[in-house]
Structures are given as C-alpha cells and as structure tokens.
Amino acid sequence: MPAALLTDVIIIALLVLLALAVLRHGILIVPQQRAWVVERLGRFHTVLPPGLNLIVPFADRVAFRFDMREVPTEVPSQVCISLDNTTLTVDGFLYLQITDAIKAAYGSSNPFVAAMQLAQTSMRSEIGKLHLDQALSSRQMLNAAVANAVEEAAVNWGIKVLRYEIKDITPPGEILRAMELQITAEREKRALIARSEGQRQQQINTSEGQQQQEINLANGRKQAEILRAEGEARAIQLVAEATAQAIRSIATAVATEGGLEALQLQVARDFIDRWANLAKQSTTMIVPADLGNIGSLVATALGIIKGESKLGAAPPSGSVPAAGTTT
C-alpha cells in the first residue's frame, strides 16, 4: 500500500473517531421527569429539559442529574423529650420533590440530607412543647408543624415538602405498662358505672311496673265492687218489683168471686207442706202444743188473712180511727 493512501486511511479513521466522540458527548437524551444541570468550563450554563439535547463536547458537562418526581425519604428514629420529661422514640417519612434544579444543585451540597436533619430537629422541638398524652394524640398537628418548618428552609434548596408522616411514637416500657393499667382501670370504671346505671334503671322500671300493677288492680277491684253493688241493687229492685206485682196479683185475685176461698185453701196446703218439710230436715223440732189440731191452726191462719184484708181496705171518707183501737 502506498504511503499516501495509508496516510489518508489514518486521517479518515481519526475523523470518524472524532465524529463518534462528538456525537457521544454532544448529543444527550434526557428522560421524562428528569433535570440535568450543565456546566460550561466549570460554570453553570443551562438545565437540559427532557428529550433530545445538544451540548458542546469537552466544554460542556452534566454536573447534576435530578429526579423531579416525589421522593419518600425515611427519617431515622430519634429520642425526644416531652414537656413532662418523658422520653419518646419517634421516626417517620418525609416526602420531598425537587422543583428548582439550579437551587438544588447550588443551594446545598445535599438537599435531601439537609431536609431530613431539619425534620429531626423540628420534631424534637415540637415534642418538647407537649405533654406525653398530647404528643401521643396529636400526630396530625406534629406532622403539619414539621412539614411547615422544613418547607420554610427548603425554599432555598429548590425542594418542596409535600408532607411528613410519623411512622411510630414509642414511649418507654414503664410508661406503656402504666398506660395499660390506666386504660384497664378506666374500662373497669366505665363498666361498673354502666352496670350500676342498668341496675338503677331496672329498679325504676320494676317499681313503676309494680305501681302501675297496683293501680290497675285497685281500679279493677273498684270497678268490680261498683258493678257488684249495681247488680245487687238491681236484683233487690227486681225482687221488690216482682214481690209487689205478686202481692197486687193476689189482692186482685182475692177481690174476685171465690178468690178468698182459693186463698184459704192455698194457705192451708202451704202450712201443711211446711210442717212436713220441717220434719224431714231435722230430728229435733220445737212444735206448738196443739199441733194435733190442724184445723184450728188453719182457721187461725185464715183469720189472720181475713183480718189483714179488712185492714187493707180504705176507711170511709171523713172517719178517723180512734187511738188505741184495732178494726
């Protein structure tokens, strides 16, 4: 091969290598949600957006590559002291996002570490303002306070604090056991109160039920007595009316022809039947001395009836019976 041709080949190869080097260092493809900070001869030049970008080879270089997505950063556990001198172990997560690549590159040597350290110191400060019970029950307030504190300082670092979340708050073992005993005592107290309230309400309901039962029984007895009295009064009234009607019927019958003889016969028959029944009911009897003279007894009864008939007749108009005399 001639020397001139060999020289041309070497030159072409060098040019190809130089072109490859230029292409390799001068053409950059930035991924989505990334930001590359380019320096030219040691000084900040530009921030490359996502996509195809051209830079000057050997003069420009990518100094920083930042991920613009949300980045969760774990905050290591630390010991904090509450206002009542109780130690608490607290850890959590800090969610950050780079919004300004220039400030993130030149505002701090490591913005994520700086934000994490600031979150720890802010948490210690906030815990020191609260008592133990308040610290355990105020997670949302602590999260907001730490996030706000880091947000104020992170503005100069090109970082946006999205949120802070406490992962765990752990008091000492002695405090945990005391809290468990306190919770148990509170639950037992509530159970006793609820049981006593239930017994009290049960007694009230029972007494009210008994009272209502007595009232209902009294009303029932009262109503029954009223109905019984009304029934007895009505029965007496009916008996009296029936008796009066019977007497009026007898008087009417006696006033007719042959009525007196029929009444005499009926009285004699009833008299004999009563004596016969009296003998059947008892073995010991007290009888009149002249019981053998049935006729005289019947005559006596008829005489009484006749006398009553005459007494029942109305006296003549204008006549006044003499005192002490019997008609």
C-alpha atoms as a PDB file:
ATOM      1  CA  MET A   1       0.000   0.000   0.000  1.00  0.00           C
ATOM      2  CA  PRO A   2       1.383   3.400  -0.942  1.00  0.00           C
ATOM      3  CA  ALA A   3       2.293   5.693   1.920  1.00  0.00           C
ATOM      4  CA  ALA A   4      -0.085   8.422   0.706  1.00  0.00           C
ATOM      5  CA  LEU A   5      -3.045   6.029   0.755  1.00  0.00           C
ATOM      6  CA  LEU A   6      -2.153   4.794   4.229  1.00  0.00           C
ATOM      7  CA  THR A   7      -2.000   8.350   5.472  1.00  0.00           C
ATOM      8  CA  ASP A   8      -5.458   9.061   4.036  1.00  0.00           C
ATOM      9  CA  VAL A   9      -6.900   5.998   5.748  1.00  0.00           C
ATOM     10  CA  ILE A  10      -5.448   7.035   9.099  1.00  0.00           C
ATOM     11  CA  ILE A  11      -6.835  10.527   8.732  1.00  0.00           C
ATOM     12  CA  ILE A  12     -10.278   9.219   7.832  1.00  0.00           C
ATOM     13  CA  ALA A  13     -10.251   6.891  10.838  1.00  0.00           C
ATOM     14  CA  LEU A  14      -9.264   9.718  13.123  1.00  0.00           C
ATOM     15  CA  LEU A  15     -12.075  11.848  11.714  1.00  0.00           C
ATOM     16  CA  VAL A  16     -14.561   9.030  12.248  1.00  0.00           C
ATOM     17  CA  LEU A  17     -13.390   8.579  15.825  1.00  0.00           C
ATOM     18  CA  LEU A  18     -13.619  12.309  16.394  1.00  0.00           C
ATOM     19  CA  ALA A  19     -17.143  12.389  14.968  1.00  0.00           C
ATOM     20  CA  LEU A  20     -18.163   9.496  17.210  1.00  0.00           C
ATOM     21  CA  ALA A  21     -16.719  11.295  20.208  1.00  0.00           C
ATOM     22  CA  VAL A  22     -18.575  14.463  19.270  1.00  0.00           C
ATOM     23  CA  LEU A  23     -21.792  12.554  18.853  1.00  0.00           C
ATOM     24  CA  ARG A  24     -21.261  10.725  22.112  1.00  0.00           C
ATOM     25  CA  HIS A  25     -20.543  13.826  24.161  1.00  0.00           C
ATOM     26  CA  GLY A  26     -22.565  16.377  22.229  1.00  0.00           C
ATOM     27  CA  ILE A  27     -25.939  14.643  21.919  1.00  0.00           C
ATOM     28  CA  LEU A  28     -27.829  13.836  25.142  1.00  0.00           C
ATOM     29  CA  ILE A  29     -31.277  12.291  25.663  1.00  0.00           C
ATOM     30  CA  VAL A  30     -32.820  13.357  28.981  1.00  0.00           C
ATOM     31  CA  PRO A  31     -35.575  11.007  30.358  1.00  0.00           C
ATOM     32  CA  GLN A  32     -39.010  12.272  31.378  1.00  0.00           C
ATOM     33  CA  GLN A  33     -39.266  13.875  34.833  1.00  0.00           C
ATOM     34  CA  ARG A  34     -35.507  14.412  34.943  1.00  0.00           C
ATOM     35  CA  ALA A  35     -33.481  17.626  35.027  1.00  0.00           C
ATOM     36  CA  TRP A  36     -29.776  17.731  34.116  1.00  0.00           C
ATOM     37  CA  VAL A  37     -27.681  20.713  35.090  1.00  0.00           C
ATOM     38  CA  VAL A  38     -24.985  21.526  32.510  1.00  0.00           C
ATOM     39  CA  GLU A  39     -21.788  23.445  33.333  1.00  0.00           C
ATOM     40  CA  ARG A  40     -19.560  25.026  30.682  1.00  0.00           C
ATOM     41  CA  LEU A  41     -15.924  25.302  31.624  1.00  0.00           C
ATOM     42  CA  GLY A  42     -16.847  24.906  35.308  1.00  0.00           C
ATOM     43  CA  ARG A  43     -19.672  27.450  35.398  1.00  0.00           C
ATOM     44  CA  PHE A  44     -23.428  26.908  35.284  1.00  0.00           C
ATOM     45  CA  HIS A  45     -24.690  27.016  31.724  1.00  0.00           C
ATOM     46  CA  THR A  46     -28.225  25.579  31.439  1.00  0.00           C
ATOM     47  CA  VAL A  47     -30.695  22.944  32.587  1.00  0.00           C
ATOM     48  CA  LEU A  48     -31.499  20.328  29.977  1.00  0.00           C
ATOM     49  CA  PRO A  49     -35.224  19.517  29.667  1.00  0.00           C
ATOM     50  CA  PRO A  50     -36.496  16.003  28.905  1.00  0.00           C
ATOM     51  CA  GLY A  51     -35.847  14.875  25.317  1.00  0.00           C
ATOM     52  CA  LEU A  52     -33.006  15.308  22.798  1.00  0.00           C
ATOM     53  CA  ASN A  53     -30.431  17.985  23.687  1.00  0.00           C
ATOM     54  CA  LEU A  54     -27.136  19.173  22.106  1.00  0.00           C
ATOM     55  CA  ILE A  55     -24.112  20.369  24.071  1.00  0.00           C
ATOM     56  CA  VAL A  56     -20.568  21.382  23.197  1.00  0.00           C
ATOM     57  CA  PRO A  57     -18.296  18.391  23.620  1.00  0.00           C
ATOM     58  CA  PHE A  58     -15.397  18.716  26.034  1.00  0.00           C
ATOM     59  CA  ALA A  59     -16.543  22.225  27.016  1.00  0.00           C
ATOM     60  CA  ASP A  60     -19.928  21.321  28.493  1.00  0.00           C
ATOM     61  CA  ARG A  61     -20.559  18.609  31.032  1.00  0.00           C
ATOM     62  CA  VAL A  62     -23.558  17.369  33.011  1.00  0.00           C
ATOM     63  CA  ALA A  63     -22.739  18.275  36.605  1.00  0.00           C
ATOM     64  CA  PHE A  64     -26.010  17.201  38.314  1.00  0.00           C
ATOM     65  CA  ARG A  65     -28.795  14.835  37.451  1.00  0.00           C
ATOM     66  CA  PHE A  66     -32.000  15.296  39.447  1.00  0.00           C
ATOM     67  CA  ASP A  67     -35.175  13.206  39.662  1.00  0.00           C
ATOM     68  CA  MET A  68     -38.142  15.599  39.613  1.00  0.00           C
ATOM     69  CA  ARG A  69     -40.614  13.027  40.934  1.00  0.00           C
ATOM     70  CA  GLU A  70     -41.795  12.761  44.562  1.00  0.00           C
ATOM     71  CA  VAL A  71     -39.124  11.118  46.649  1.00  0.00           C
ATOM     72  CA  PRO A  72     -40.021   9.487  50.008  1.00  0.00           C
ATOM     73  CA  THR A  73     -37.165   9.811  52.490  1.00  0.00           C
ATOM     74  CA  GLU A  74     -37.134   7.841  55.711  1.00  0.00           C
ATOM     75  CA  VAL A  75     -36.301   9.891  58.788  1.00  0.00           C
ATOM     76  CA  PRO A  76     -34.321   7.727  61.237  1.00  0.00           C
ATOM     77  CA  SER A  77     -35.745   7.190  64.705  1.00  0.00           C
ATOM     78  CA  GLN A  78     -34.650   9.629  67.369  1.00  0.00           C
ATOM     79  CA  VAL A  79     -35.216  10.165  71.074  1.00  0.00           C
ATOM     80  CA  CYS A  80     -37.325  13.199  72.009  1.00  0.00           C
ATOM     81  CA  ILE A  81     -38.172  14.543  75.470  1.00  0.00           C
ATOM     82  CA  SER A  82     -41.691  15.767  76.163  1.00  0.00           C
ATOM     83  CA  LEU A  83     -42.711  18.680  78.361  1.00  0.00           C
ATOM     84  CA  ASP A  84     -43.210  16.339  81.348  1.00  0.00           C
ATOM     85  CA  ASN A  85     -39.676  14.874  80.886  1.00  0.00           C
ATOM     86  CA  THR A  86     -40.770  11.632  79.252  1.00  0.00           C
ATOM     87  CA  THR A  87     -38.573  10.156  76.547  1.00  0.00           C
ATOM     88  CA  LEU A  88     -40.200   9.180  73.258  1.00  0.00           C
ATOM     89  CA  THR A  89     -38.716   7.411  70.255  1.00  0.00           C
ATOM     90  CA  VAL A  90     -40.068   8.955  67.038  1.00  0.00           C
ATOM     91  CA  ASP A  91     -39.473   8.100  63.375  1.00  0.00           C
ATOM     92  CA  GLY A  92     -41.262   8.923  60.167  1.00  0.00           C
ATOM     93  CA  PHE A  93     -41.224   9.592  56.427  1.00  0.00           C
ATOM     94  CA  LEU A  94     -40.565  12.899  54.659  1.00  0.00           C
ATOM     95  CA  TYR A  95     -41.966  13.260  51.142  1.00  0.00           C
ATOM     96  CA  LEU A  96     -39.924  15.707  49.043  1.00  0.00           C
ATOM     97  CA  GLN A  97     -39.918  16.902  45.438  1.00  0.00           C
ATOM     98  CA  ILE A  98     -37.283  18.968  43.611  1.00  0.00           C
ATOM     99  CA  THR A  99     -38.920  21.945  41.930  1.00  0.00           C
ATOM    100  CA  ASP A 100     -35.816  24.054  41.089  1.00  0.00           C
ATOM    101  CA  ALA A 101     -32.818  22.159  39.750  1.00  0.00           C
ATOM    102  CA  ILE A 102     -30.480  25.166  39.971  1.00  0.00           C
ATOM    103  CA  LYS A 103     -31.159  25.773  43.674  1.00  0.00           C
ATOM    104  CA  ALA A 104     -30.970  22.050  44.344  1.00  0.00           C
ATOM    105  CA  ALA A 105     -27.563  21.939  42.666  1.00  0.00           C
ATOM    106  CA  TYR A 106     -26.024  25.024  44.209  1.00  0.00           C
ATOM    107  CA  GLY A 107     -28.157  25.828  47.275  1.00  0.00           C
ATOM    108  CA  SER A 108     -26.975  22.833  49.312  1.00  0.00           C
ATOM    109  CA  SER A 109     -24.410  20.110  48.887  1.00  0.00           C
ATOM    110  CA  ASN A 110     -27.088  17.519  49.717  1.00  0.00           C
ATOM    111  CA  PRO A 111     -30.626  18.956  49.957  1.00  0.00           C
ATOM    112  CA  PHE A 112     -32.256  15.672  50.944  1.00  0.00           C
ATOM    113  CA  VAL A 113     -29.954  15.109  53.902  1.00  0.00           C
ATOM    114  CA  ALA A 114     -30.399  18.733  54.944  1.00  0.00           C
ATOM    115  CA  ALA A 115     -34.201  18.387  54.849  1.00  0.00           C
ATOM    116  CA  MET A 116     -34.063  15.143  56.834  1.00  0.00           C
ATOM    117  CA  GLN A 117     -31.855  16.698  59.537  1.00  0.00           C
ATOM    118  CA  LEU A 118     -34.152  19.708  59.762  1.00  0.00           C
ATOM    119  CA  ALA A 119     -37.161  17.399  60.133  1.00  0.00           C
ATOM    120  CA  GLN A 120     -35.499  15.643  63.075  1.00  0.00           C
ATOM    121  CA  THR A 121     -34.646  18.867  64.896  1.00  0.00           C
ATOM    122  CA  SER A 122     -38.146  20.251  64.263  1.00  0.00           C
ATOM    123  CA  MET A 123     -39.720  17.091  65.650  1.00  0.00           C
ATOM    124  CA  ARG A 124     -37.644  17.307  68.827  1.00  0.00           C
ATOM    125  CA  SER A 125     -38.674  20.930  69.230  1.00  0.00           C
ATOM    126  CA  GLU A 126     -42.407  20.204  68.759  1.00  0.00           C
ATOM    127  CA  ILE A 127     -42.378  17.198  71.108  1.00  0.00           C
ATOM    128  CA  GLY A 128     -40.736  19.355  73.795  1.00  0.00           C
ATOM    129  CA  LYS A 129     -43.787  21.657  73.770  1.00  0.00           C
ATOM    130  CA  LEU A 130     -46.277  18.890  74.567  1.00  0.00           C
ATOM    131  CA  HIS A 131     -47.039  16.544  77.416  1.00  0.00           C
ATOM    132  CA  LEU A 132     -46.913  12.807  76.847  1.00  0.00           C
ATOM    133  CA  ASP A 133     -50.654  12.351  76.347  1.00  0.00           C
ATOM    134  CA  GLN A 134     -50.785  15.331  73.990  1.00  0.00           C
ATOM    135  CA  ALA A 135     -47.842  14.066  71.958  1.00  0.00           C
ATOM    136  CA  LEU A 136     -49.452  10.646  71.560  1.00  0.00           C
ATOM    137  CA  SER A 137     -52.785  12.104  70.466  1.00  0.00           C
ATOM    138  CA  SER A 138     -51.533  14.985  68.271  1.00  0.00           C
ATOM    139  CA  ARG A 139     -49.927  13.244  65.315  1.00  0.00           C
ATOM    140  CA  GLN A 140     -51.631  15.399  62.722  1.00  0.00           C
ATOM    141  CA  MET A 141     -50.530  18.575  64.453  1.00  0.00           C
ATOM    142  CA  LEU A 142     -46.930  17.317  64.713  1.00  0.00           C
ATOM    143  CA  ASN A 143     -46.899  16.281  61.054  1.00  0.00           C
ATOM    144  CA  ALA A 144     -48.100  19.707  59.947  1.00  0.00           C
ATOM    145  CA  ALA A 145     -45.637  21.550  62.215  1.00  0.00           C
ATOM    146  CA  VAL A 146     -42.619  19.578  60.952  1.00  0.00           C
ATOM    147  CA  ALA A 147     -43.682  19.923  57.311  1.00  0.00           C
ATOM    148  CA  ASN A 148     -44.080  23.700  57.677  1.00  0.00           C
ATOM    149  CA  ALA A 149     -40.696  24.069  59.386  1.00  0.00           C
ATOM    150  CA  VAL A 150     -38.879  22.122  56.667  1.00  0.00           C
ATOM    151  CA  GLU A 151     -40.829  23.935  53.923  1.00  0.00           C
ATOM    152  CA  GLU A 152     -39.592  27.338  55.069  1.00  0.00           C
ATOM    153  CA  ALA A 153     -35.929  26.315  54.903  1.00  0.00           C
ATOM    154  CA  ALA A 154     -36.232  24.106  51.823  1.00  0.00           C
ATOM    155  CA  VAL A 155     -37.228  27.035  49.591  1.00  0.00           C
ATOM    156  CA  ASN A 156     -33.537  27.958  49.209  1.00  0.00           C
ATOM    157  CA  TRP A 157     -32.706  24.363  48.354  1.00  0.00           C
ATOM    158  CA  GLY A 158     -35.165  24.058  45.452  1.00  0.00           C
ATOM    159  CA  ILE A 159     -37.161  21.457  47.345  1.00  0.00           C
ATOM    160  CA  LYS A 160     -40.888  21.314  48.021  1.00  0.00           C
ATOM    161  CA  VAL A 161     -42.033  19.449  51.134  1.00  0.00           C
ATOM    162  CA  LEU A 162     -45.221  17.592  50.238  1.00  0.00           C
ATOM    163  CA  ARG A 163     -45.938  16.089  53.653  1.00  0.00           C
ATOM    164  CA  TYR A 164     -44.444  14.491  56.723  1.00  0.00           C
ATOM    165  CA  GLU A 165     -45.871  11.367  58.310  1.00  0.00           C
ATOM    166  CA  ILE A 166     -44.954   9.998  61.728  1.00  0.00           C
ATOM    167  CA  LYS A 167     -44.313   6.315  61.418  1.00  0.00           C
ATOM    168  CA  ASP A 168     -44.248   5.440  65.098  1.00  0.00           C
ATOM    169  CA  ILE A 169     -44.107   7.079  68.531  1.00  0.00           C
ATOM    170  CA  THR A 170     -42.828   4.704  71.195  1.00  0.00           C
ATOM    171  CA  PRO A 171     -42.735   5.649  74.888  1.00  0.00           C
ATOM    172  CA  PRO A 172     -40.605   3.672  77.374  1.00  0.00           C
ATOM    173  CA  GLY A 173     -41.761   0.261  78.567  1.00  0.00           C
ATOM    174  CA  GLU A 174     -42.624   1.505  82.071  1.00  0.00           C
ATOM    175  CA  ILE A 175     -44.836   4.207  80.597  1.00  0.00           C
ATOM    176  CA  LEU A 176     -46.530   1.667  78.345  1.00  0.00           C
ATOM    177  CA  ARG A 177     -47.317  -0.610  81.284  1.00  0.00           C
ATOM    178  CA  ALA A 178     -48.649   2.325  83.315  1.00  0.00           C
ATOM    179  CA  MET A 179     -50.818   3.392  80.380  1.00  0.00           C
ATOM    180  CA  GLU A 180     -52.180  -0.131  80.018  1.00  0.00           C
ATOM    181  CA  LEU A 181     -53.082  -0.213  83.722  1.00  0.00           C
ATOM    182  CA  GLN A 182     -54.732   3.181  83.414  1.00  0.00           C
ATOM    183  CA  ILE A 183     -56.729   2.094  80.383  1.00  0.00           C
ATOM    184  CA  THR A 184     -57.797  -1.089  82.188  1.00  0.00           C
ATOM    185  CA  ALA A 185     -58.903   0.906  85.224  1.00  0.00           C
ATOM    186  CA  GLU A 186     -60.848   3.332  83.065  1.00  0.00           C
ATOM    187  CA  ARG A 187     -62.618   0.499  81.272  1.00  0.00           C
ATOM    188  CA  GLU A 188     -63.478  -1.221  84.554  1.00  0.00           C
ATOM    189  CA  LYS A 189     -64.786   2.087  85.885  1.00  0.00           C
ATOM    190  CA  ARG A 190     -66.969   2.587  82.820  1.00  0.00           C
ATOM    191  CA  ALA A 191     -68.211  -0.996  83.110  1.00  0.00           C
ATOM    192  CA  LEU A 192     -69.160  -0.510  86.789  1.00  0.00           C
ATOM    193  CA  ILE A 193     -70.909   2.766  86.002  1.00  0.00           C
ATOM    194  CA  ALA A 194     -72.806   1.175  83.129  1.00  0.00           C
ATOM    195  CA  ARG A 195     -73.758  -1.807  85.325  1.00  0.00           C
ATOM    196  CA  SER A 196     -74.972   0.444  88.155  1.00  0.00           C
ATOM    197  CA  GLU A 197     -76.937   2.583  85.712  1.00  0.00           C
ATOM    198  CA  GLY A 198     -78.524  -0.553  84.316  1.00  0.00           C
ATOM    199  CA  GLN A 199     -79.460  -1.830  87.790  1.00  0.00           C
ATOM    200  CA  ARG A 200     -80.851   1.583  88.725  1.00  0.00           C
ATOM    201  CA  GLN A 201     -82.952   1.735  85.579  1.00  0.00           C
ATOM    202  CA  GLN A 202     -84.110  -1.835  86.173  1.00  0.00           C
ATOM    203  CA  GLN A 203     -85.226  -0.987  89.721  1.00  0.00           C
ATOM    204  CA  ILE A 204     -87.016   2.119  88.469  1.00  0.00           C
ATOM    205  CA  ASN A 205     -88.775   0.134  85.776  1.00  0.00           C
ATOM    206  CA  THR A 206     -89.709  -2.603  88.264  1.00  0.00           C
ATOM    207  CA  SER A 207     -91.106  -0.136  90.805  1.00  0.00           C
ATOM    208  CA  GLU A 208     -93.043   1.715  88.123  1.00  0.00           C
ATOM    209  CA  GLY A 209     -94.405  -1.582  86.858  1.00  0.00           C
ATOM    210  CA  GLN A 210     -95.467  -2.641  90.368  1.00  0.00           C
ATOM    211  CA  GLN A 211     -97.045   0.756  90.967  1.00  0.00           C
ATOM    212  CA  GLN A 212     -98.975   0.539  87.723  1.00  0.00           C
ATOM    213  CA  GLN A 213     -99.994  -3.023  88.557  1.00  0.00           C
ATOM    214  CA  GLU A 214    -101.331  -1.958  91.976  1.00  0.00           C
ATOM    215  CA  ILE A 215    -103.210   0.920  90.353  1.00  0.00           C
ATOM    216  CA  ASN A 216    -104.699  -1.418  87.770  1.00  0.00           C
ATOM    217  CA  LEU A 217    -105.688  -3.957  90.463  1.00  0.00           C
ATOM    218  CA  ALA A 218    -107.246  -1.225  92.614  1.00  0.00           C
ATOM    219  CA  ASN A 219    -109.149   0.134  89.645  1.00  0.00           C
ATOM    220  CA  GLY A 220    -110.268  -3.391  88.804  1.00  0.00           C
ATOM    221  CA  ARG A 221    -111.462  -4.067  92.368  1.00  0.00           C
ATOM    222  CA  LYS A 222    -113.208  -0.693  92.459  1.00  0.00           C
ATOM    223  CA  GLN A 223    -114.925  -1.365  89.162  1.00  0.00           C
ATOM    224  CA  ALA A 224    -115.883  -4.870  90.302  1.00  0.00           C
ATOM    225  CA  GLU A 225    -117.364  -3.559  93.583  1.00  0.00           C
ATOM    226  CA  ILE A 226    -119.288  -0.913  91.681  1.00  0.00           C
ATOM    227  CA  LEU A 227    -120.626  -3.483  89.254  1.00  0.00           C
ATOM    228  CA  ARG A 228    -121.441  -5.911  92.088  1.00  0.00           C
ATOM    229  CA  ALA A 229    -123.248  -3.189  94.053  1.00  0.00           C
ATOM    230  CA  GLU A 230    -125.138  -2.120  90.977  1.00  0.00           C
ATOM    231  CA  GLY A 231    -126.036  -5.740  90.301  1.00  0.00           C
ATOM    232  CA  GLU A 232    -127.215  -6.337  93.873  1.00  0.00           C
ATOM    233  CA  ALA A 233    -129.222  -3.101  93.830  1.00  0.00           C
ATOM    234  CA  ARG A 234    -130.762  -4.070  90.539  1.00  0.00           C
ATOM    235  CA  ALA A 235    -131.541  -7.555  91.874  1.00  0.00           C
ATOM    236  CA  ILE A 236    -133.177  -6.118  95.010  1.00  0.00           C
ATOM    237  CA  GLN A 237    -135.137  -3.731  92.852  1.00  0.00           C
ATOM    238  CA  LEU A 238    -136.306  -6.539  90.587  1.00  0.00           C
ATOM    239  CA  VAL A 239    -137.218  -8.754  93.559  1.00  0.00           C
ATOM    240  CA  ALA A 240    -139.141  -5.891  95.153  1.00  0.00           C
ATOM    241  CA  GLU A 241    -140.921  -5.166  91.910  1.00  0.00           C
ATOM    242  CA  ALA A 242    -141.751  -8.859  91.471  1.00  0.00           C
ATOM    243  CA  THR A 243    -142.968  -9.121  95.078  1.00  0.00           C
ATOM    244  CA  ALA A 244    -145.102  -6.031  94.681  1.00  0.00           C
ATOM    245  CA  GLN A 245    -146.503  -7.375  91.450  1.00  0.00           C
ATOM    246  CA  ALA A 246    -147.261 -10.720  93.110  1.00  0.00           C
ATOM    247  CA  ILE A 247    -148.983  -9.007  96.014  1.00  0.00           C
ATOM    248  CA  ARG A 248    -151.020  -6.910  93.633  1.00  0.00           C
ATOM    249  CA  SER A 249    -151.984 -10.046  91.704  1.00  0.00           C
ATOM    250  CA  ILE A 250    -153.021 -11.832  94.914  1.00  0.00           C
ATOM    251  CA  ALA A 251    -155.023  -8.841  96.064  1.00  0.00           C
ATOM    252  CA  THR A 252    -156.764  -8.688  92.713  1.00  0.00           C
ATOM    253  CA  ALA A 253    -157.494 -12.433  92.819  1.00  0.00           C
ATOM    254  CA  VAL A 254    -158.888 -12.220  96.386  1.00  0.00           C
ATOM    255  CA  ALA A 255    -161.203  -9.400  95.389  1.00  0.00           C
ATOM    256  CA  THR A 256    -162.844 -11.585  92.730  1.00  0.00           C
ATOM    257  CA  GLU A 257    -165.587 -14.126  93.403  1.00  0.00           C
ATOM    258  CA  GLY A 258    -164.208 -17.303  95.017  1.00  0.00           C
ATOM    259  CA  GLY A 259    -160.777 -15.784  95.341  1.00  0.00           C
ATOM    260  CA  LEU A 260    -160.811 -15.759  99.144  1.00  0.00           C
ATOM    261  CA  GLU A 261    -161.757 -19.453  99.344  1.00  0.00           C
ATOM    262  CA  ALA A 262    -158.974 -20.315  96.935  1.00  0.00           C
ATOM    263  CA  LEU A 263    -156.505 -18.315  99.023  1.00  0.00           C
ATOM    264  CA  GLN A 264    -157.670 -20.083 102.182  1.00  0.00           C
ATOM    265  CA  LEU A 265    -157.135 -23.463 100.541  1.00  0.00           C
ATOM    266  CA  GLN A 266    -153.654 -22.470  99.331  1.00  0.00           C
ATOM    267  CA  VAL A 267    -152.634 -21.209 102.794  1.00  0.00           C
ATOM    268  CA  ALA A 268    -153.774 -24.433 104.431  1.00  0.00           C
ATOM    269  CA  ARG A 269    -151.878 -26.517 101.890  1.00  0.00           C
ATOM    270  CA  ASP A 270    -148.685 -24.432 102.257  1.00  0.00           C
ATOM    271  CA  PHE A 271    -148.893 -24.655 106.043  1.00  0.00           C
ATOM    272  CA  ILE A 272    -149.142 -28.450 105.962  1.00  0.00           C
ATOM    273  CA  ASP A 273    -146.301 -28.764 103.422  1.00  0.00           C
ATOM    274  CA  ARG A 274    -144.014 -26.585 105.536  1.00  0.00           C
ATOM    275  CA  TRP A 275    -144.503 -28.686 108.609  1.00  0.00           C
ATOM    276  CA  ALA A 276    -143.925 -31.836 106.596  1.00  0.00           C
ATOM    277  CA  ASN A 277    -140.625 -30.459 105.203  1.00  0.00           C
ATOM    278  CA  LEU A 278    -139.529 -29.328 108.632  1.00  0.00           C
ATOM    279  CA  ALA A 279    -139.785 -32.870 109.857  1.00  0.00           C
ATOM    280  CA  LYS A 280    -137.557 -34.105 107.045  1.00  0.00           C
ATOM    281  CA  GLN A 281    -134.726 -31.598 107.669  1.00  0.00           C
ATOM    282  CA  SER A 282    -134.092 -32.187 111.383  1.00  0.00           C
ATOM    283  CA  THR A 283    -134.618 -34.846 114.000  1.00  0.00           C
ATOM    284  CA  THR A 284    -135.192 -32.306 116.746  1.00  0.00           C
ATOM    285  CA  MET A 285    -138.137 -29.919 116.474  1.00  0.00           C
ATOM    286  CA  ILE A 286    -139.988 -27.497 118.693  1.00  0.00           C
ATOM    287  CA  VAL A 287    -143.692 -27.614 117.836  1.00  0.00           C
ATOM    288  CA  PRO A 288    -146.775 -25.944 119.287  1.00  0.00           C
ATOM    289  CA  ALA A 289    -148.750 -27.832 121.927  1.00  0.00           C
ATOM    290  CA  ASP A 290    -151.911 -28.001 119.828  1.00  0.00           C
ATOM    291  CA  LEU A 291    -150.165 -29.266 116.694  1.00  0.00           C
ATOM    292  CA  GLY A 292    -152.651 -32.127 116.557  1.00  0.00           C
ATOM    293  CA  ASN A 293    -155.462 -29.720 115.960  1.00  0.00           C
ATOM    294  CA  ILE A 294    -154.572 -28.876 112.348  1.00  0.00           C
ATOM    295  CA  GLY A 295    -157.970 -27.415 111.702  1.00  0.00           C
ATOM    296  CA  SER A 296    -157.648 -24.829 114.436  1.00  0.00           C
ATOM    297  CA  LEU A 297    -154.208 -23.782 113.123  1.00  0.00           C
ATOM    298  CA  VAL A 298    -155.551 -23.398 109.618  1.00  0.00           C
ATOM    299  CA  ALA A 299    -158.513 -21.454 110.910  1.00  0.00           C
ATOM    300  CA  THR A 300    -156.154 -19.175 112.804  1.00  0.00           C
ATOM    301  CA  ALA A 301    -154.116 -18.520 109.618  1.00  0.00           C
ATOM    302  CA  LEU A 302    -157.293 -17.816 107.661  1.00  0.00           C
ATOM    303  CA  GLY A 303    -158.440 -15.471 110.336  1.00  0.00           C
ATOM    304  CA  ILE A 304    -155.201 -13.551 110.067  1.00  0.00           C
ATOM    305  CA  ILE A 305    -155.650 -13.289 106.294  1.00  0.00           C
ATOM    306  CA  LYS A 306    -159.210 -12.038 106.730  1.00  0.00           C
ATOM    307  CA  GLY A 307    -158.084  -9.503 109.281  1.00  0.00           C
ATOM    308  CA  GLU A 308    -155.308  -8.265 107.009  1.00  0.00           C
ATOM    309  CA  SER A 309    -157.848  -7.973 104.188  1.00  0.00           C
ATOM    310  CA  LYS A 310    -160.049  -5.774 106.327  1.00  0.00           C
ATOM    311  CA  LEU A 311    -157.073  -3.701 107.468  1.00  0.00           C
ATOM    312  CA  GLY A 312    -156.028  -3.193 103.858  1.00  0.00           C
ATOM    313  CA  ALA A 313    -159.458  -1.737 102.946  1.00  0.00           C
ATOM    314  CA  ALA A 314    -159.623   2.070 102.759  1.00  0.00           C
ATOM    315  CA  PRO A 315    -161.563   3.714 105.682  1.00  0.00           C
ATOM    316  CA  PRO A 316    -164.715   5.675 104.886  1.00  0.00           C
ATOM    317  CA  SER A 317    -164.301   9.299 103.904  1.00  0.00           C
ATOM    318  CA  GLY A 318    -164.127  11.623 106.844  1.00  0.00           C
ATOM    319  CA  SER A 319    -163.751   8.887 109.511  1.00  0.00           C
ATOM    320  CA  VAL A 320    -160.735   8.861 111.842  1.00  0.00           C
ATOM    321  CA  PRO A 321    -159.819   5.697 113.739  1.00  0.00           C
ATOM    322  CA  ALA A 322    -159.829   6.036 117.486  1.00  0.00           C
ATOM    323  CA  ALA A 323    -156.445   5.923 119.177  1.00  0.00           C
ATOM    324  CA  GLY A 324    -155.530   2.567 120.636  1.00  0.00           C
ATOM    325  CA  THR A 325    -158.294   0.616 118.836  1.00  0.00           C
ATOM    326  CA  THR A 326    -157.964  -2.013 116.108  1.00  0.00           C
ATOM    327  CA  THR A 327    -160.512  -2.570 113.386  1.00  0.00           C
END
